Protein backbone atom coordinates (compact mmCIF):
# COMPACT_ATOMS: atom_id res chain seq x y z
CA MET A 1 27.78 -55.15 -24.64
CA GLN A 2 25.08 -56.54 -27.00
CA HIS A 3 25.10 -56.01 -30.83
CA LYS A 4 23.36 -52.68 -31.70
CA ARG A 5 19.76 -52.85 -32.34
CA PRO A 6 17.53 -50.30 -34.28
CA THR A 7 16.77 -47.21 -32.69
CA LEU A 8 14.61 -44.30 -33.29
CA ASP A 9 17.03 -42.49 -35.06
CA ASP A 10 17.81 -44.92 -37.49
CA VAL A 11 13.99 -45.45 -38.32
CA ALA A 12 13.75 -41.87 -38.76
CA GLN A 13 17.03 -41.84 -41.22
CA ALA A 14 15.59 -44.89 -43.20
CA ALA A 15 11.92 -43.14 -43.64
CA GLY A 16 13.42 -39.80 -44.55
CA VAL A 17 11.67 -38.05 -41.48
CA SER A 18 12.42 -36.65 -38.20
CA ARG A 19 12.73 -38.66 -34.95
CA ALA A 20 9.70 -36.92 -33.41
CA THR A 21 7.51 -37.97 -36.38
CA VAL A 22 8.75 -41.48 -35.86
CA SER A 23 7.72 -41.11 -32.31
CA ARG A 24 4.10 -40.00 -33.17
CA VAL A 25 3.70 -42.80 -35.44
CA ILE A 26 4.84 -45.61 -33.20
CA ASN A 27 2.79 -43.88 -30.30
CA GLY A 28 -0.44 -43.80 -32.47
CA ASN A 29 -1.02 -40.27 -32.72
CA PRO A 30 -3.49 -39.30 -35.18
CA ARG A 31 -1.98 -35.97 -36.36
CA VAL A 32 0.52 -37.73 -38.93
CA ALA A 33 -0.16 -37.90 -42.64
CA ALA A 34 -1.05 -41.18 -44.06
CA ASP A 35 1.45 -41.37 -46.69
CA VAL A 36 4.30 -40.38 -43.74
CA ARG A 37 2.73 -43.20 -41.57
CA GLU A 38 3.14 -45.44 -44.34
CA GLN A 39 6.80 -44.37 -44.89
CA VAL A 40 7.43 -45.04 -41.07
CA ASP A 41 5.96 -47.95 -40.92
CA ARG A 42 7.72 -49.64 -43.75
CA ALA A 43 11.15 -48.51 -42.09
CA VAL A 44 10.08 -49.92 -38.94
CA GLU A 45 9.38 -53.41 -40.68
CA ARG A 46 12.48 -53.30 -42.93
CA LEU A 47 14.67 -52.71 -39.86
CA GLY A 48 13.04 -54.84 -37.26
CA TYR A 49 12.82 -52.15 -34.85
CA ARG A 50 10.78 -52.80 -31.41
CA PRO A 51 9.94 -50.20 -29.22
CA ASP A 52 10.64 -50.46 -25.75
CA PRO A 53 7.42 -50.89 -23.88
CA VAL A 54 8.42 -48.89 -20.77
CA ALA A 55 9.65 -45.97 -22.89
CA ARG A 56 6.79 -46.06 -24.96
CA ALA A 57 4.37 -45.65 -22.28
CA LEU A 58 6.48 -42.51 -20.90
CA ALA A 59 6.67 -41.22 -24.39
CA ARG A 60 2.64 -41.72 -24.51
CA GLY A 61 1.84 -39.65 -21.09
CA HIS A 62 4.91 -37.46 -20.38
CA GLY A 63 7.27 -37.09 -23.71
CA ASP A 64 10.82 -38.15 -23.86
CA VAL A 65 13.19 -39.13 -20.91
CA VAL A 66 16.35 -37.96 -19.68
CA GLU A 67 18.28 -40.83 -17.85
CA LEU A 68 20.49 -39.82 -15.15
CA ILE A 69 23.08 -42.54 -14.40
CA VAL A 70 24.99 -42.63 -11.51
CA ILE A 71 27.55 -45.05 -10.28
CA ASP A 72 28.14 -45.24 -6.58
CA ASP A 73 28.47 -48.11 -4.26
CA GLU A 74 26.94 -46.08 -1.41
CA PRO A 75 23.28 -46.96 -1.19
CA THR A 76 22.69 -43.39 0.53
CA CYS A 77 24.85 -41.45 -1.61
CA PHE A 78 22.18 -39.18 -2.73
CA GLY A 79 21.64 -38.10 0.99
CA THR A 80 25.48 -37.74 1.74
CA ASN A 81 26.90 -36.13 -1.37
CA PRO A 82 25.60 -32.64 -2.26
CA TYR A 83 27.10 -33.00 -5.69
CA TYR A 84 24.34 -35.45 -6.83
CA GLY A 85 21.52 -33.11 -5.59
CA ARG A 86 23.17 -30.36 -7.66
CA VAL A 87 23.15 -32.48 -10.94
CA VAL A 88 19.43 -33.25 -10.57
CA ALA A 89 18.88 -29.49 -9.88
CA GLY A 90 20.42 -28.44 -12.95
CA ILE A 91 18.69 -31.15 -15.08
CA VAL A 92 15.34 -30.26 -13.68
CA ASP A 93 16.08 -26.60 -15.01
CA GLY A 94 17.26 -27.88 -18.29
CA LEU A 95 13.81 -29.57 -18.49
CA ARG A 96 11.76 -26.41 -17.83
CA GLN A 97 11.15 -25.50 -21.73
CA SER A 98 10.24 -29.13 -22.65
CA ASP A 99 7.80 -31.71 -22.13
CA ALA A 100 10.42 -34.15 -21.23
CA GLN A 101 11.04 -36.10 -17.76
CA MET A 102 14.06 -37.20 -15.72
CA ARG A 103 14.45 -40.63 -14.49
CA VAL A 104 17.35 -41.67 -11.96
CA HIS A 105 19.44 -44.62 -11.81
CA VAL A 106 21.90 -45.26 -9.04
CA VAL A 107 23.71 -48.42 -9.52
CA GLY A 108 27.02 -50.17 -7.89
CA GLN A 109 29.99 -51.00 -9.81
CA ALA A 110 29.40 -54.50 -10.34
CA ASP A 111 25.63 -54.14 -11.60
CA ALA A 112 26.70 -50.99 -13.92
CA PRO A 113 27.60 -52.92 -17.19
CA ARG A 114 24.17 -54.85 -17.38
CA LEU A 115 22.26 -51.46 -16.31
CA LEU A 116 24.08 -49.41 -19.05
CA ASP A 117 23.47 -52.06 -21.60
CA ARG A 118 19.65 -52.13 -21.15
CA ILE A 119 19.35 -48.27 -20.73
CA ALA A 120 21.47 -47.73 -24.02
CA HIS A 121 19.05 -49.65 -26.12
CA THR A 122 16.07 -48.03 -25.04
CA VAL A 123 16.98 -44.20 -24.17
CA SER A 124 14.82 -41.73 -25.72
CA ALA A 125 16.15 -38.15 -25.20
CA GLY A 126 19.23 -39.13 -23.78
CA ALA A 127 21.37 -39.79 -21.00
CA ILE A 128 23.68 -38.26 -18.58
CA LEU A 129 26.35 -40.21 -16.77
CA VAL A 130 28.01 -39.62 -13.57
CA ASN A 131 31.05 -41.43 -12.04
CA VAL A 132 30.92 -43.80 -15.35
CA PRO A 133 34.55 -45.07 -16.10
CA PRO A 134 35.71 -44.36 -19.56
CA ALA A 135 35.43 -47.79 -20.95
CA LEU A 136 31.73 -48.22 -19.67
CA ALA A 137 30.75 -44.73 -21.26
CA ALA A 138 32.69 -45.67 -24.77
CA ALA A 139 30.56 -48.87 -24.64
CA PHE A 140 27.37 -47.09 -24.10
CA HIS A 141 28.00 -44.36 -26.88
CA ALA A 142 28.80 -46.82 -29.62
CA ILE A 143 25.18 -47.99 -28.99
CA CYS A 144 23.72 -44.67 -28.06
CA PRO A 145 25.17 -41.50 -29.20
CA ARG A 146 22.87 -39.29 -27.13
CA VAL A 147 24.81 -39.38 -24.00
CA VAL A 148 26.86 -36.68 -22.06
CA SER A 149 29.56 -37.62 -19.49
CA MET A 150 29.77 -35.17 -16.55
CA SER A 151 33.53 -35.95 -16.57
CA ARG A 152 36.33 -36.23 -18.95
CA THR A 153 36.09 -39.42 -20.80
CA GLU A 154 36.94 -41.28 -23.95
CA PRO A 155 37.41 -38.62 -27.03
CA PRO A 156 34.12 -39.96 -28.96
CA VAL A 157 32.19 -39.67 -26.01
CA PRO A 158 30.30 -36.46 -25.34
CA SER A 159 31.24 -34.61 -22.08
CA ILE A 160 30.82 -31.32 -20.30
CA VAL A 161 33.27 -30.61 -17.58
CA PRO A 162 34.68 -28.14 -15.29
CA ASP A 163 38.02 -26.61 -16.04
CA ASN A 164 39.40 -28.99 -13.23
CA THR A 165 43.03 -28.57 -13.82
CA THR A 166 43.12 -24.68 -13.86
CA GLY A 167 40.88 -24.46 -10.94
CA ALA A 168 43.49 -26.66 -8.70
CA TYR A 169 46.19 -24.67 -10.23
CA GLU A 170 44.93 -21.49 -8.90
CA ALA A 171 44.03 -22.81 -5.53
CA VAL A 172 47.41 -23.68 -5.03
CA ARG A 173 48.66 -20.46 -6.38
CA LEU A 174 46.83 -18.69 -3.83
CA LEU A 175 48.06 -20.77 -0.97
CA HIS A 176 51.75 -20.25 -2.10
CA ARG A 177 50.92 -16.26 -2.52
CA ASN A 178 49.64 -16.43 1.00
CA GLY A 179 53.23 -17.67 2.27
CA ARG A 180 52.54 -21.33 2.66
CA LYS A 181 55.55 -23.80 1.62
CA ARG A 182 54.34 -27.13 2.62
CA ILE A 183 51.36 -27.73 0.47
CA ALA A 184 49.88 -31.34 0.45
CA VAL A 185 47.18 -32.42 -1.76
CA VAL A 186 44.26 -34.74 -0.61
CA PRO A 187 43.27 -36.59 -3.68
CA GLY A 188 40.24 -37.91 -4.86
CA PRO A 189 39.73 -41.69 -6.71
CA ALA A 190 42.58 -42.59 -8.56
CA HIS A 191 40.41 -43.74 -11.46
CA ASN A 192 38.33 -40.69 -11.52
CA SER A 193 39.24 -38.17 -14.21
CA ASP A 194 38.05 -34.98 -12.55
CA ALA A 195 40.17 -36.04 -9.41
CA ALA A 196 43.13 -36.96 -11.74
CA ASP A 197 43.01 -33.31 -13.21
CA ARG A 198 42.87 -31.49 -10.05
CA ARG A 199 45.97 -33.55 -8.75
CA ALA A 200 47.64 -32.63 -12.13
CA GLY A 201 46.91 -28.87 -11.45
CA TYR A 202 48.38 -29.06 -8.19
CA LEU A 203 51.48 -30.96 -9.41
CA ALA A 204 51.81 -28.19 -11.87
CA ALA A 205 51.48 -25.18 -9.40
CA VAL A 206 53.82 -26.73 -6.66
CA ARG A 207 56.54 -27.19 -9.55
CA ASP A 208 56.18 -23.56 -10.86
CA ALA A 209 56.34 -22.41 -7.31
CA GLY A 210 59.59 -24.63 -6.68
CA LEU A 211 58.02 -26.58 -4.07
CA ASP A 212 58.00 -30.27 -3.19
CA PRO A 213 54.74 -32.10 -4.01
CA ILE A 214 53.33 -33.92 -1.06
CA SER A 215 50.64 -36.21 -1.69
CA GLY A 216 48.17 -38.17 0.60
CA ASP A 217 46.85 -41.52 -0.85
CA ALA A 218 43.96 -41.68 -3.18
CA GLY A 219 40.53 -41.68 -1.73
CA TRP A 220 37.13 -41.18 -2.33
CA PHE A 221 34.89 -38.21 -2.65
CA SER A 222 33.51 -38.83 0.98
CA ARG A 223 34.14 -37.13 4.21
CA GLU A 224 35.46 -40.07 6.06
CA SER A 225 37.88 -40.35 3.01
CA GLY A 226 39.03 -36.91 3.50
CA ALA A 227 39.65 -37.18 7.29
CA ALA A 228 41.48 -40.63 6.72
CA THR A 229 44.15 -38.77 4.22
CA THR A 230 44.57 -35.89 6.62
CA ARG A 231 45.37 -38.32 9.58
CA GLN A 232 47.67 -39.81 7.24
CA LEU A 233 49.47 -36.73 5.94
CA LEU A 234 50.10 -35.34 9.61
CA ALA A 235 51.42 -38.44 10.92
CA THR A 236 53.83 -38.49 8.00
CA HIS A 237 54.30 -34.69 7.29
CA PRO A 238 53.78 -32.65 10.41
CA ASP A 239 55.07 -29.41 9.45
CA LEU A 240 52.45 -29.14 6.44
CA ASP A 241 51.08 -25.68 6.26
CA ALA A 242 48.49 -26.03 4.07
CA LEU A 243 46.06 -28.48 2.20
CA PHE A 244 44.71 -28.53 -1.27
CA VAL A 245 41.61 -30.94 -1.21
CA ALA A 246 39.97 -32.72 -3.98
CA CYS A 247 36.10 -31.86 -3.02
CA ASP A 248 34.40 -29.78 -0.29
CA LEU A 249 33.20 -32.90 1.25
CA MET A 250 36.76 -34.56 1.53
CA ALA A 251 37.68 -31.08 2.96
CA SER A 252 34.70 -31.12 5.78
CA GLY A 253 36.37 -34.37 6.99
CA ALA A 254 40.07 -32.48 6.78
CA LEU A 255 38.90 -29.56 8.87
CA GLN A 256 37.45 -31.75 11.72
CA VAL A 257 40.94 -33.85 11.87
CA LEU A 258 43.10 -30.60 11.86
CA ALA A 259 40.63 -29.14 14.92
CA ALA A 260 41.20 -32.72 16.77
CA ALA A 261 44.73 -32.38 16.44
CA GLY A 262 44.67 -28.82 17.72
CA ARG A 263 45.98 -27.31 14.15
CA ARG A 264 44.10 -23.91 13.90
CA VAL A 265 42.71 -23.21 10.40
CA PRO A 266 43.88 -20.93 8.49
CA GLN A 267 46.90 -19.89 11.12
CA ASP A 268 48.70 -23.36 11.27
CA VAL A 269 47.26 -25.11 8.49
CA ALA A 270 45.17 -23.14 5.37
CA VAL A 271 42.67 -25.30 3.39
CA ILE A 272 41.12 -25.09 0.13
CA GLY A 273 38.47 -27.48 -1.38
CA PHE A 274 36.77 -27.84 -4.49
CA ASP A 275 33.03 -27.70 -5.71
CA ASP A 276 31.84 -24.62 -3.89
CA SER A 277 28.86 -26.55 -2.50
CA LEU A 278 26.63 -25.79 0.41
CA ILE A 279 29.26 -27.49 2.88
CA ALA A 280 31.83 -24.62 1.69
CA THR A 281 29.53 -22.07 3.76
CA CYS A 282 28.90 -24.44 6.70
CA THR A 283 32.17 -25.33 7.71
CA THR A 284 34.15 -23.65 10.64
CA PRO A 285 35.82 -21.72 9.35
CA PRO A 286 34.04 -21.39 6.05
CA LEU A 287 35.93 -22.95 3.04
CA THR A 288 37.70 -21.41 0.39
CA THR A 289 36.98 -23.36 -2.54
CA VAL A 290 37.06 -23.68 -6.32
CA ARG A 291 33.72 -23.13 -7.65
CA GLN A 292 32.57 -25.90 -10.54
CA PRO A 293 29.27 -24.66 -11.59
CA VAL A 294 27.43 -27.90 -11.46
CA GLU A 295 23.92 -26.81 -12.01
CA GLU A 296 24.76 -24.97 -15.35
CA MET A 297 26.70 -27.66 -16.45
CA ALA A 298 24.07 -30.02 -15.87
CA ALA A 299 21.23 -27.75 -17.16
CA ALA A 300 23.17 -27.09 -20.32
CA ALA A 301 23.78 -31.14 -21.20
CA THR A 302 19.91 -31.65 -20.55
CA ARG A 303 18.88 -28.73 -22.94
CA ALA A 304 21.61 -29.92 -25.60
CA LEU A 305 20.01 -33.61 -25.31
CA VAL A 306 16.49 -32.49 -25.52
CA ALA A 307 17.54 -30.31 -28.55
CA GLY A 308 19.20 -33.12 -30.53
CA GLU A 309 22.55 -30.86 -30.40
CA VAL A 310 24.69 -33.86 -29.09
CA GLY A 311 26.95 -35.59 -31.63
CA SER A 312 30.09 -37.59 -31.25
CA GLY A 313 32.99 -35.58 -29.74
CA TRP A 314 30.81 -32.72 -28.56
CA HIS A 315 32.55 -31.49 -25.58
CA THR A 316 32.03 -28.00 -23.65
CA THR A 317 34.40 -27.08 -20.46
CA PHE A 318 33.21 -24.49 -18.04
CA PRO A 319 35.48 -22.13 -16.19
CA ALA A 320 36.48 -23.24 -12.48
CA THR A 321 36.60 -20.23 -10.33
CA LEU A 322 38.02 -19.30 -6.52
CA THR A 323 35.57 -18.67 -4.16
CA VAL A 324 37.60 -17.22 -1.25
CA ARG A 325 36.73 -17.45 2.40
CA ASP A 326 38.17 -17.66 5.70
CA SER A 327 39.84 -21.27 5.61
CA SER A 328 42.70 -19.89 3.21
CA GLY A 329 44.28 -17.22 5.22
């Protein structure tokens, strides 16, 4: 990433005023005392601060902006993955008591470093990161500390996450209490910290139950990936009697494959997902799943950014709880 250039916060600190006062001076608000305006102007000149024209125009008309940055190589991801819609709903809720707005960026892996670098230098209220790898999140944070990752990342980077490990552990414990002995995991992406923590919870639970772990290949948070991994597991472990699946979207694919293979759920194979999204109530049978409160987490991150409460190392964990339906037996 490029060398850090002066931000509104730098100007505010140099001038001895609030960030909001700096923003009002730069945007020509007349309700600023002349001596304060002069202080800010001197700090701007001394630091060489240059406001971003797009952010400045937005600030004039609509207040600050919370940037939602999603890395996903699937162009239609917002239409196929309910997780993103839940994040957006949470951000909208978190903005209700402010005049800030939301701006959404969806970018593929290849173009992500350039986009993140540009946004890091022009952020106003702050940024929320989804599916951003730890190294990129850390580089963003080094330039702009007003950021929250929606998954576990490098320690200095602020984050807000569900208790993935405990949620997965409790899911596998339920399967074992229901008499399941051959419990397999349909894991998510190997590089994703949420998926890694859910797999860690699965492994801890099967170990504590005295069972052998059975794992499919790492996949992606998609229906197709869940289906492909379930086919692989049925071929290599035909005696499996339960699946813990890393997300509900993957679980919907797993249920389709089980039905096509003549495996009854939950009589032959019990299934538990993770998310408690709308999908969980629409499958046949309805899906037992671990609820992660996505909307609440996104709203809390948004409110903290708008209020200026996010600092280096800021971290919040939300509980992940089981929602029991028919698929777990």
